[in-house]
Amino acid sequence: MTANETGWERKQRKHFDDIAATYDRIRPEYPNELFDDIFNYVKPNNGKKALEIGAGTGKATLPLLKEGYDVTAVEIGENMAEILAERFRFDNIKVLVSSFEEADLEENSYDLVYAATAFHWVDAAIGCPKVFRLLKRGGAFALFRYNAIPAAGERIYDEIQEVYEKYYYSHYKTMERPRKKSLEEYCQPSGVYEGFRFNDLKDYGFSDVRMNFYDSARTFSADDYMLMLETFSDHRSLPDENKAALFAGIKDEIIKHGGYLRVDYVFQLYMGRKP
């Protein structure tokens, strides 16, 4: 790792395959309202053929299957794809082990292409034009992710940040620190880029572009929060000594403050349509 790396480089995108079962258990679920908005956005007379990019273990797959979509799930990690295939033994799903960039898929054939907290691992210069080609006319591209909201000013959060200063920011040399963003900031090109690694769906020919938000929260035990941190690429990429000290320090702070940590989230849905 070079001095300028962040732990989120594309070469890290198979990190999670080593901890597929942990990832499946600990990562957040997506709000039902988010899927309702996707289904309402997709033109119902276009059909129900969907492609999921970076399907992982299927965190965002079941709602599509229940809605009657035929889903092609593309997942680069073999262990994750195995969990996905074992979980959904349905006639209306096909699991393809591949990166999205290299996946052999039929153009002009999908009513919906979507990715759940995964498109930032795709080379957008290749991925966005490919999505456009894969969609039928009128088809929808839906990208969604979750963002943890920093609880600045709360004692437990501030003390955890002190641990980060010692063991995380001593390795990742950046002046940026977590801060609460307005919804307007998420809608700006810089906010879109931070979440999805490109600036605007309109740049790739998509129209009727929309962004929706959903609030959620989850309370973790100290042990479960350690598992959650284990699923973050930048944390997994730390040197062993830094990682051990960081995790131990955060866990100590959570235990000191009662053994539980509440995390607030804003889920972000970004959609566009192929004219």
C-alpha atoms as a PDB file:
ATOM      1  CA  MET A   1       0.000   0.000   0.000  1.00  0.00           C
ATOM      2  CA  THR A   2       1.291   3.442  -0.950  1.00  0.00           C
ATOM      3  CA  ALA A   3       1.020   6.560   1.181  1.00  0.00           C
ATOM      4  CA  ASN A   4      -1.879   7.907  -0.914  1.00  0.00           C
ATOM      5  CA  GLU A   5      -4.076   4.817  -0.771  1.00  0.00           C
ATOM      6  CA  THR A   6      -7.330   4.751   1.173  1.00  0.00           C
ATOM      7  CA  GLY A   7      -8.160   1.047   1.494  1.00  0.00           C
ATOM      8  CA  TRP A   8     -11.068   1.446  -0.932  1.00  0.00           C
ATOM      9  CA  GLU A   9      -9.119   0.898  -4.158  1.00  0.00           C
ATOM     10  CA  ARG A  10     -10.711  -1.396  -6.748  1.00  0.00           C
ATOM     11  CA  LYS A  11      -8.047  -4.045  -6.176  1.00  0.00           C
ATOM     12  CA  GLN A  12      -9.615  -4.597  -2.729  1.00  0.00           C
ATOM     13  CA  ARG A  13     -13.054  -5.550  -4.057  1.00  0.00           C
ATOM     14  CA  LYS A  14     -12.649  -9.254  -3.286  1.00  0.00           C
ATOM     15  CA  HIS A  15     -11.644  -8.623   0.333  1.00  0.00           C
ATOM     16  CA  PHE A  16     -15.103  -9.549   1.556  1.00  0.00           C
ATOM     17  CA  ASP A  17     -15.051 -12.994   0.006  1.00  0.00           C
ATOM     18  CA  ASP A  18     -12.842 -14.220   2.876  1.00  0.00           C
ATOM     19  CA  ILE A  19     -15.526 -13.234   5.402  1.00  0.00           C
ATOM     20  CA  ALA A  20     -18.655 -13.924   3.362  1.00  0.00           C
ATOM     21  CA  ALA A  21     -20.658 -15.434   6.233  1.00  0.00           C
ATOM     22  CA  THR A  22     -19.799 -12.545   8.561  1.00  0.00           C
ATOM     23  CA  TYR A  23     -20.670 -10.022   5.861  1.00  0.00           C
ATOM     24  CA  ASP A  24     -24.008 -11.722   5.321  1.00  0.00           C
ATOM     25  CA  ARG A  25     -24.916 -11.672   9.004  1.00  0.00           C
ATOM     26  CA  ILE A  26     -23.765  -8.229  10.041  1.00  0.00           C
ATOM     27  CA  ARG A  27     -24.329  -5.830   7.125  1.00  0.00           C
ATOM     28  CA  PRO A  28     -27.548  -3.732   7.304  1.00  0.00           C
ATOM     29  CA  GLU A  29     -30.749  -4.649   5.511  1.00  0.00           C
ATOM     30  CA  TYR A  30     -32.277  -2.170   3.066  1.00  0.00           C
ATOM     31  CA  PRO A  31     -35.586  -0.375   3.801  1.00  0.00           C
ATOM     32  CA  ASN A  32     -38.743  -1.791   2.246  1.00  0.00           C
ATOM     33  CA  GLU A  33     -39.690   1.724   1.155  1.00  0.00           C
ATOM     34  CA  LEU A  34     -36.569   1.889  -0.997  1.00  0.00           C
ATOM     35  CA  PHE A  35     -37.618  -1.162  -2.996  1.00  0.00           C
ATOM     36  CA  ASP A  36     -41.184   0.140  -3.276  1.00  0.00           C
ATOM     37  CA  ASP A  37     -39.819   3.313  -4.849  1.00  0.00           C
ATOM     38  CA  ILE A  38     -37.730   1.296  -7.320  1.00  0.00           C
ATOM     39  CA  PHE A  39     -40.721  -0.819  -8.341  1.00  0.00           C
ATOM     40  CA  ASN A  40     -42.865   2.287  -8.767  1.00  0.00           C
ATOM     41  CA  TYR A  41     -40.159   3.905 -10.893  1.00  0.00           C
ATOM     42  CA  VAL A  42     -39.763   0.952 -13.258  1.00  0.00           C
ATOM     43  CA  LYS A  43     -42.353   1.002 -16.025  1.00  0.00           C
ATOM     44  CA  PRO A  44     -44.590  -2.023 -15.310  1.00  0.00           C
ATOM     45  CA  ASN A  45     -45.339  -2.722 -18.974  1.00  0.00           C
ATOM     46  CA  ASN A  46     -41.637  -3.201 -19.751  1.00  0.00           C
ATOM     47  CA  GLY A  47     -41.412  -6.611 -18.084  1.00  0.00           C
ATOM     48  CA  LYS A  48     -39.526  -7.930 -15.079  1.00  0.00           C
ATOM     49  CA  LYS A  49     -36.031  -8.917 -16.086  1.00  0.00           C
ATOM     50  CA  ALA A  50     -33.363  -7.584 -13.714  1.00  0.00           C
ATOM     51  CA  LEU A  51     -29.587  -7.606 -13.395  1.00  0.00           C
ATOM     52  CA  GLU A  52     -27.926  -7.141 -10.008  1.00  0.00           C
ATOM     53  CA  ILE A  53     -24.341  -5.867 -10.002  1.00  0.00           C
ATOM     54  CA  GLY A  54     -22.204  -7.056  -7.087  1.00  0.00           C
ATOM     55  CA  ALA A  55     -24.954  -9.120  -5.518  1.00  0.00           C
ATOM     56  CA  GLY A  56     -22.796 -10.290  -2.619  1.00  0.00           C
ATOM     57  CA  THR A  57     -24.692 -12.741  -0.437  1.00  0.00           C
ATOM     58  CA  GLY A  58     -28.086 -11.446  -1.545  1.00  0.00           C
ATOM     59  CA  LYS A  59     -28.820  -8.552   0.813  1.00  0.00           C
ATOM     60  CA  ALA A  60     -30.834  -6.824  -1.917  1.00  0.00           C
ATOM     61  CA  THR A  61     -31.915  -9.817  -3.993  1.00  0.00           C
ATOM     62  CA  LEU A  62     -34.956 -11.287  -2.238  1.00  0.00           C
ATOM     63  CA  PRO A  63     -37.266  -8.260  -2.702  1.00  0.00           C
ATOM     64  CA  LEU A  64     -36.755  -8.502  -6.474  1.00  0.00           C
ATOM     65  CA  LEU A  65     -37.448 -12.224  -6.502  1.00  0.00           C
ATOM     66  CA  LYS A  66     -40.596 -11.746  -4.406  1.00  0.00           C
ATOM     67  CA  GLU A  67     -41.758  -9.051  -6.798  1.00  0.00           C
ATOM     68  CA  GLY A  68     -41.552 -11.591  -9.618  1.00  0.00           C
ATOM     69  CA  TYR A  69     -38.385 -10.432 -11.344  1.00  0.00           C
ATOM     70  CA  ASP A  70     -36.116 -12.833 -13.172  1.00  0.00           C
ATOM     71  CA  VAL A  71     -32.764 -11.863 -11.665  1.00  0.00           C
ATOM     72  CA  THR A  72     -29.279 -12.370 -13.055  1.00  0.00           C
ATOM     73  CA  ALA A  73     -26.971 -11.812 -10.073  1.00  0.00           C
ATOM     74  CA  VAL A  74     -23.358 -10.951 -10.933  1.00  0.00           C
ATOM     75  CA  GLU A  75     -20.878 -11.461  -8.081  1.00  0.00           C
ATOM     76  CA  ILE A  76     -17.093 -11.555  -8.313  1.00  0.00           C
ATOM     77  CA  GLY A  77     -16.501 -13.460  -5.055  1.00  0.00           C
ATOM     78  CA  GLU A  78     -16.862 -17.229  -5.256  1.00  0.00           C
ATOM     79  CA  ASN A  79     -17.724 -17.668  -1.572  1.00  0.00           C
ATOM     80  CA  MET A  80     -20.340 -14.956  -1.678  1.00  0.00           C
ATOM     81  CA  ALA A  81     -21.813 -16.341  -4.872  1.00  0.00           C
ATOM     82  CA  GLU A  82     -22.021 -19.777  -3.241  1.00  0.00           C
ATOM     83  CA  ILE A  83     -24.022 -18.369  -0.305  1.00  0.00           C
ATOM     84  CA  LEU A  84     -26.241 -16.516  -2.763  1.00  0.00           C
ATOM     85  CA  ALA A  85     -26.918 -19.620  -4.856  1.00  0.00           C
ATOM     86  CA  GLU A  86     -27.607 -21.771  -1.781  1.00  0.00           C
ATOM     87  CA  ARG A  87     -29.982 -19.196  -0.303  1.00  0.00           C
ATOM     88  CA  PHE A  88     -32.147 -18.652  -3.356  1.00  0.00           C
ATOM     89  CA  ARG A  89     -32.875 -21.971  -5.020  1.00  0.00           C
ATOM     90  CA  PHE A  90     -35.550 -20.433  -7.206  1.00  0.00           C
ATOM     91  CA  ASP A  91     -36.264 -20.761 -10.897  1.00  0.00           C
ATOM     92  CA  ASN A  92     -36.116 -17.000 -11.391  1.00  0.00           C
ATOM     93  CA  ILE A  93     -32.477 -16.406 -10.405  1.00  0.00           C
ATOM     94  CA  LYS A  94     -29.200 -17.043 -12.170  1.00  0.00           C
ATOM     95  CA  VAL A  95     -25.867 -16.464 -10.401  1.00  0.00           C
ATOM     96  CA  LEU A  96     -22.894 -15.449 -12.524  1.00  0.00           C
ATOM     97  CA  VAL A  97     -19.418 -15.434 -10.912  1.00  0.00           C
ATOM     98  CA  SER A  98     -17.629 -12.555 -12.604  1.00  0.00           C
ATOM     99  CA  SER A  99     -16.744  -8.908 -12.331  1.00  0.00           C
ATOM    100  CA  PHE A 100     -19.415  -6.755 -13.928  1.00  0.00           C
ATOM    101  CA  GLU A 101     -16.921  -5.300 -16.385  1.00  0.00           C
ATOM    102  CA  GLU A 102     -16.091  -8.788 -17.728  1.00  0.00           C
ATOM    103  CA  ALA A 103     -19.552 -10.376 -17.485  1.00  0.00           C
ATOM    104  CA  ASP A 104     -20.959 -11.624 -20.791  1.00  0.00           C
ATOM    105  CA  LEU A 105     -24.505 -10.208 -20.844  1.00  0.00           C
ATOM    106  CA  GLU A 106     -27.080  -9.596 -23.546  1.00  0.00           C
ATOM    107  CA  GLU A 107     -27.590  -5.989 -24.581  1.00  0.00           C
ATOM    108  CA  ASN A 108     -31.025  -4.316 -24.728  1.00  0.00           C
ATOM    109  CA  SER A 109     -32.521  -7.056 -22.581  1.00  0.00           C
ATOM    110  CA  TYR A 110     -33.016  -5.810 -18.992  1.00  0.00           C
ATOM    111  CA  ASP A 111     -35.868  -3.796 -17.529  1.00  0.00           C
ATOM    112  CA  LEU A 112     -33.879  -2.988 -14.408  1.00  0.00           C
ATOM    113  CA  VAL A 113     -30.173  -2.963 -13.573  1.00  0.00           C
ATOM    114  CA  TYR A 114     -29.313  -2.259  -9.949  1.00  0.00           C
ATOM    115  CA  ALA A 115     -26.472  -2.335  -7.444  1.00  0.00           C
ATOM    116  CA  ALA A 116     -26.635  -2.219  -3.641  1.00  0.00           C
ATOM    117  CA  THR A 117     -23.561  -0.673  -1.963  1.00  0.00           C
ATOM    118  CA  ALA A 118     -21.471  -2.188  -4.744  1.00  0.00           C
ATOM    119  CA  PHE A 119     -21.083   0.137  -7.722  1.00  0.00           C
ATOM    120  CA  HIS A 120     -18.175   2.030  -6.161  1.00  0.00           C
ATOM    121  CA  TRP A 121     -16.131  -1.127  -6.896  1.00  0.00           C
ATOM    122  CA  VAL A 122     -16.940  -0.899 -10.623  1.00  0.00           C
ATOM    123  CA  ASP A 123     -14.909   1.113 -13.132  1.00  0.00           C
ATOM    124  CA  ALA A 124     -17.664   3.612 -13.931  1.00  0.00           C
ATOM    125  CA  ALA A 125     -16.091   4.562 -17.277  1.00  0.00           C
ATOM    126  CA  ILE A 126     -16.806   0.987 -18.351  1.00  0.00           C
ATOM    127  CA  GLY A 127     -19.755   0.196 -16.101  1.00  0.00           C
ATOM    128  CA  CYS A 128     -22.129   3.092 -16.805  1.00  0.00           C
ATOM    129  CA  PRO A 129     -22.044   2.793 -20.628  1.00  0.00           C
ATOM    130  CA  LYS A 130     -22.393  -0.980 -20.271  1.00  0.00           C
ATOM    131  CA  VAL A 131     -25.488  -0.599 -18.097  1.00  0.00           C
ATOM    132  CA  PHE A 132     -26.963   1.752 -20.696  1.00  0.00           C
ATOM    133  CA  ARG A 133     -26.382  -0.844 -23.431  1.00  0.00           C
ATOM    134  CA  LEU A 134     -27.830  -3.674 -21.356  1.00  0.00           C
ATOM    135  CA  LEU A 135     -31.088  -1.894 -20.574  1.00  0.00           C
ATOM    136  CA  LYS A 136     -34.124  -1.973 -22.781  1.00  0.00           C
ATOM    137  CA  ARG A 137     -35.485   1.358 -23.914  1.00  0.00           C
ATOM    138  CA  GLY A 138     -37.273   2.828 -20.899  1.00  0.00           C
ATOM    139  CA  GLY A 139     -35.356   0.532 -18.540  1.00  0.00           C
ATOM    140  CA  ALA A 140     -34.163   1.774 -15.172  1.00  0.00           C
ATOM    141  CA  PHE A 141     -30.765   1.929 -13.481  1.00  0.00           C
ATOM    142  CA  ALA A 142     -31.014   1.986  -9.670  1.00  0.00           C
ATOM    143  CA  LEU A 143     -28.028   2.515  -7.391  1.00  0.00           C
ATOM    144  CA  PHE A 144     -28.358   2.511  -3.637  1.00  0.00           C
ATOM    145  CA  ARG A 145     -26.150   2.482  -0.583  1.00  0.00           C
ATOM    146  CA  TYR A 146     -26.154   3.357   3.086  1.00  0.00           C
ATOM    147  CA  ASN A 147     -24.193   6.111   4.789  1.00  0.00           C
ATOM    148  CA  ALA A 148     -23.394   6.131   8.512  1.00  0.00           C
ATOM    149  CA  ILE A 149     -24.153   9.525  10.069  1.00  0.00           C
ATOM    150  CA  PRO A 150     -21.400  10.788  12.422  1.00  0.00           C
ATOM    151  CA  ALA A 151     -22.752  11.513  15.904  1.00  0.00           C
ATOM    152  CA  ALA A 152     -20.320  14.347  16.550  1.00  0.00           C
ATOM    153  CA  GLY A 153     -20.734  15.862  19.994  1.00  0.00           C
ATOM    154  CA  GLU A 154     -21.809  12.627  21.654  1.00  0.00           C
ATOM    155  CA  ARG A 155     -19.272  11.513  24.221  1.00  0.00           C
ATOM    156  CA  ILE A 156     -18.940   7.906  23.025  1.00  0.00           C
ATOM    157  CA  TYR A 157     -18.520   9.029  19.405  1.00  0.00           C
ATOM    158  CA  ASP A 158     -15.909  11.647  20.250  1.00  0.00           C
ATOM    159  CA  GLU A 159     -13.916   9.186  22.347  1.00  0.00           C
ATOM    160  CA  ILE A 160     -14.008   6.622  19.555  1.00  0.00           C
ATOM    161  CA  GLN A 161     -12.690   9.315  17.198  1.00  0.00           C
ATOM    162  CA  GLU A 162      -9.714   9.773  19.504  1.00  0.00           C
ATOM    163  CA  VAL A 163      -8.919   6.082  18.966  1.00  0.00           C
ATOM    164  CA  TYR A 164      -9.173   6.619  15.216  1.00  0.00           C
ATOM    165  CA  GLU A 165      -6.734   9.517  15.407  1.00  0.00           C
ATOM    166  CA  LYS A 166      -4.133   7.256  17.027  1.00  0.00           C
ATOM    167  CA  TYR A 167      -4.428   4.122  14.942  1.00  0.00           C
ATOM    168  CA  TYR A 168      -6.341   4.903  11.732  1.00  0.00           C
ATOM    169  CA  TYR A 169      -5.331   8.409  10.677  1.00  0.00           C
ATOM    170  CA  SER A 170      -1.730   7.720  11.632  1.00  0.00           C
ATOM    171  CA  HIS A 171      -1.777   5.283   8.671  1.00  0.00           C
ATOM    172  CA  TYR A 172      -4.223   6.892   6.225  1.00  0.00           C
ATOM    173  CA  LYS A 173      -2.728  10.336   5.757  1.00  0.00           C
ATOM    174  CA  THR A 174      -5.782  12.468   5.111  1.00  0.00           C
ATOM    175  CA  MET A 175      -7.120  15.678   6.577  1.00  0.00           C
ATOM    176  CA  GLU A 176     -10.735  14.601   6.011  1.00  0.00           C
ATOM    177  CA  ARG A 177     -12.753  13.469   9.004  1.00  0.00           C
ATOM    178  CA  PRO A 178     -16.323  12.135   9.198  1.00  0.00           C
ATOM    179  CA  ARG A 179     -18.971  14.848   9.225  1.00  0.00           C
ATOM    180  CA  LYS A 180     -22.711  15.010   8.850  1.00  0.00           C
ATOM    181  CA  LYS A 181     -23.736  15.961   5.321  1.00  0.00           C
ATOM    182  CA  SER A 182     -26.937  17.628   4.196  1.00  0.00           C
ATOM    183  CA  LEU A 183     -29.156  15.792   1.737  1.00  0.00           C
ATOM    184  CA  GLU A 184     -28.326  18.487  -0.795  1.00  0.00           C
ATOM    185  CA  GLU A 185     -24.637  17.552  -0.567  1.00  0.00           C
ATOM    186  CA  TYR A 186     -25.410  13.932  -1.452  1.00  0.00           C
ATOM    187  CA  CYS A 187     -27.145  15.218  -4.600  1.00  0.00           C
ATOM    188  CA  GLN A 188     -24.188  17.275  -5.790  1.00  0.00           C
ATOM    189  CA  PRO A 189     -21.710  15.743  -8.287  1.00  0.00           C
ATOM    190  CA  SER A 190     -19.132  15.436  -5.489  1.00  0.00           C
ATOM    191  CA  GLY A 191     -21.666  13.586  -3.316  1.00  0.00           C
ATOM    192  CA  VAL A 192     -22.622  11.265  -6.154  1.00  0.00           C
ATOM    193  CA  TYR A 193     -18.952  10.593  -6.848  1.00  0.00           C
ATOM    194  CA  GLU A 194     -18.235   9.777  -3.212  1.00  0.00           C
ATOM    195  CA  GLY A 195     -20.950   7.143  -3.211  1.00  0.00           C
ATOM    196  CA  PHE A 196     -20.799   5.727  -6.729  1.00  0.00           C
ATOM    197  CA  ARG A 197     -17.499   6.899  -8.348  1.00  0.00           C
ATOM    198  CA  PHE A 198     -18.971   9.016 -11.102  1.00  0.00           C
ATOM    199  CA  ASN A 199     -20.537  12.479 -11.134  1.00  0.00           C
ATOM    200  CA  ASP A 200     -23.920  12.278 -12.828  1.00  0.00           C
ATOM    201  CA  LEU A 201     -26.087   9.662 -14.557  1.00  0.00           C
ATOM    202  CA  LYS A 202     -27.007  12.294 -17.130  1.00  0.00           C
ATOM    203  CA  ASP A 203     -23.393  12.247 -18.340  1.00  0.00           C
ATOM    204  CA  TYR A 204     -24.033   8.694 -19.601  1.00  0.00           C
ATOM    205  CA  GLY A 205     -27.327   9.398 -21.362  1.00  0.00           C
ATOM    206  CA  PHE A 206     -29.797   8.628 -18.565  1.00  0.00           C
ATOM    207  CA  SER A 207     -32.881  10.791 -18.060  1.00  0.00           C
ATOM    208  CA  ASP A 208     -35.581  11.264 -15.398  1.00  0.00           C
ATOM    209  CA  VAL A 209     -32.802  11.172 -12.788  1.00  0.00           C
ATOM    210  CA  ARG A 210     -33.938  11.065  -9.153  1.00  0.00           C
ATOM    211  CA  MET A 211     -32.453  10.673  -5.700  1.00  0.00           C
ATOM    212  CA  ASN A 212     -34.403   9.552  -2.628  1.00  0.00           C
ATOM    213  CA  PHE A 213     -33.361   9.185   1.016  1.00  0.00           C
ATOM    214  CA  TYR A 214     -34.446   6.981   3.907  1.00  0.00           C
ATOM    215  CA  ASP A 215     -33.522   7.233   7.573  1.00  0.00           C
ATOM    216  CA  SER A 216     -32.694   4.190   9.666  1.00  0.00           C
ATOM    217  CA  ALA A 217     -30.791   3.218  12.806  1.00  0.00           C
ATOM    218  CA  ARG A 218     -29.264   0.108  14.315  1.00  0.00           C
ATOM    219  CA  THR A 219     -27.857  -0.697  17.741  1.00  0.00           C
ATOM    220  CA  PHE A 220     -24.797  -2.960  17.845  1.00  0.00           C
ATOM    221  CA  SER A 221     -23.322  -4.869  20.736  1.00  0.00           C
ATOM    222  CA  ALA A 222     -19.578  -4.350  21.146  1.00  0.00           C
ATOM    223  CA  ASP A 223     -18.833  -7.729  19.550  1.00  0.00           C
ATOM    224  CA  ASP A 224     -21.197  -7.186  16.634  1.00  0.00           C
ATOM    225  CA  TYR A 225     -19.741  -3.768  15.930  1.00  0.00           C
ATOM    226  CA  MET A 226     -16.301  -5.340  15.695  1.00  0.00           C
ATOM    227  CA  LEU A 227     -17.714  -7.711  13.086  1.00  0.00           C
ATOM    228  CA  MET A 228     -19.202  -4.758  11.233  1.00  0.00           C
ATOM    229  CA  LEU A 229     -15.822  -2.997  11.154  1.00  0.00           C
ATOM    230  CA  GLU A 230     -14.286  -6.199   9.824  1.00  0.00           C
ATOM    231  CA  THR A 231     -16.431  -5.771   6.690  1.00  0.00           C
ATOM    232  CA  PHE A 232     -14.967  -2.327   5.869  1.00  0.00           C
ATOM    233  CA  SER A 233     -12.259  -2.526   3.233  1.00  0.00           C
ATOM    234  CA  ASP A 234     -10.212   0.350   4.659  1.00  0.00           C
ATOM    235  CA  HIS A 235     -10.224  -1.227   8.132  1.00  0.00           C
ATOM    236  CA  ARG A 236      -9.274  -4.630   6.752  1.00  0.00           C
ATOM    237  CA  SER A 237      -6.389  -3.032   4.852  1.00  0.00           C
ATOM    238  CA  LEU A 238      -4.736  -1.526   7.920  1.00  0.00           C
ATOM    239  CA  PRO A 239      -1.433  -2.994   9.100  1.00  0.00           C
ATOM    240  CA  ASP A 240      -2.094  -5.741  11.648  1.00  0.00           C
ATOM    241  CA  GLU A 241      -0.735  -3.696  14.555  1.00  0.00           C
ATOM    242  CA  ASN A 242      -2.893  -0.664  13.749  1.00  0.00           C
ATOM    243  CA  LYS A 243      -5.966  -2.777  13.131  1.00  0.00           C
ATOM    244  CA  ALA A 244      -5.644  -4.695  16.408  1.00  0.00           C
ATOM    245  CA  ALA A 245      -5.150  -1.501  18.431  1.00  0.00           C
ATOM    246  CA  LEU A 246      -7.994   0.295  16.641  1.00  0.00           C
ATOM    247  CA  PHE A 247     -10.485  -2.521  17.165  1.00  0.00           C
ATOM    248  CA  ALA A 248      -9.466  -3.040  20.797  1.00  0.00           C
ATOM    249  CA  GLY A 249      -9.724   0.676  21.546  1.00  0.00           C
ATOM    250  CA  ILE A 250     -13.159   1.028  19.932  1.00  0.00           C
ATOM    251  CA  LYS A 251     -14.468  -2.059  21.711  1.00  0.00           C
ATOM    252  CA  ASP A 252     -13.202  -0.742  25.059  1.00  0.00           C
ATOM    253  CA  GLU A 253     -15.029   2.553  24.510  1.00  0.00           C
ATOM    254  CA  ILE A 254     -18.293   0.796  23.644  1.00  0.00           C
ATOM    255  CA  ILE A 255     -18.048  -1.429  26.725  1.00  0.00           C
ATOM    256  CA  LYS A 256     -17.214   1.598  28.881  1.00  0.00           C
ATOM    257  CA  HIS A 257     -20.399   3.291  27.688  1.00  0.00           C
ATOM    258  CA  GLY A 258     -22.736   0.382  28.408  1.00  0.00           C
ATOM    259  CA  GLY A 259     -21.803  -2.224  25.831  1.00  0.00           C
ATOM    260  CA  TYR A 260     -23.897  -0.952  22.908  1.00  0.00           C
ATOM    261  CA  LEU A 261     -23.446   1.546  20.088  1.00  0.00           C
ATOM    262  CA  ARG A 262     -26.296   3.122  18.124  1.00  0.00           C
ATOM    263  CA  VAL A 263     -25.493   3.973  14.519  1.00  0.00           C
ATOM    264  CA  ASP A 264     -27.775   6.225  12.477  1.00  0.00           C
ATOM    265  CA  TYR A 265     -27.922   5.735   8.726  1.00  0.00           C
ATOM    266  CA  VAL A 266     -29.243   7.565   5.698  1.00  0.00           C
ATOM    267  CA  PHE A 267     -29.938   5.243   2.784  1.00  0.00           C
ATOM    268  CA  GLN A 268     -29.480   6.823  -0.625  1.00  0.00           C
ATOM    269  CA  LEU A 269     -31.293   5.734  -3.817  1.00  0.00           C
ATOM    270  CA  TYR A 270     -30.104   7.156  -7.150  1.00  0.00           C
ATOM    271  CA  MET A 271     -32.058   6.279 -10.300  1.00  0.00           C
ATOM    272  CA  GLY A 272     -32.072   7.067 -14.000  1.00  0.00           C
ATOM    273  CA  ARG A 273     -33.849   5.819 -17.090  1.00  0.00           C
ATOM    274  CA  LYS A 274     -32.679   4.867 -20.582  1.00  0.00           C
ATOM    275  CA  PRO A 275     -34.695   7.083 -22.963  1.00  0.00           C
END
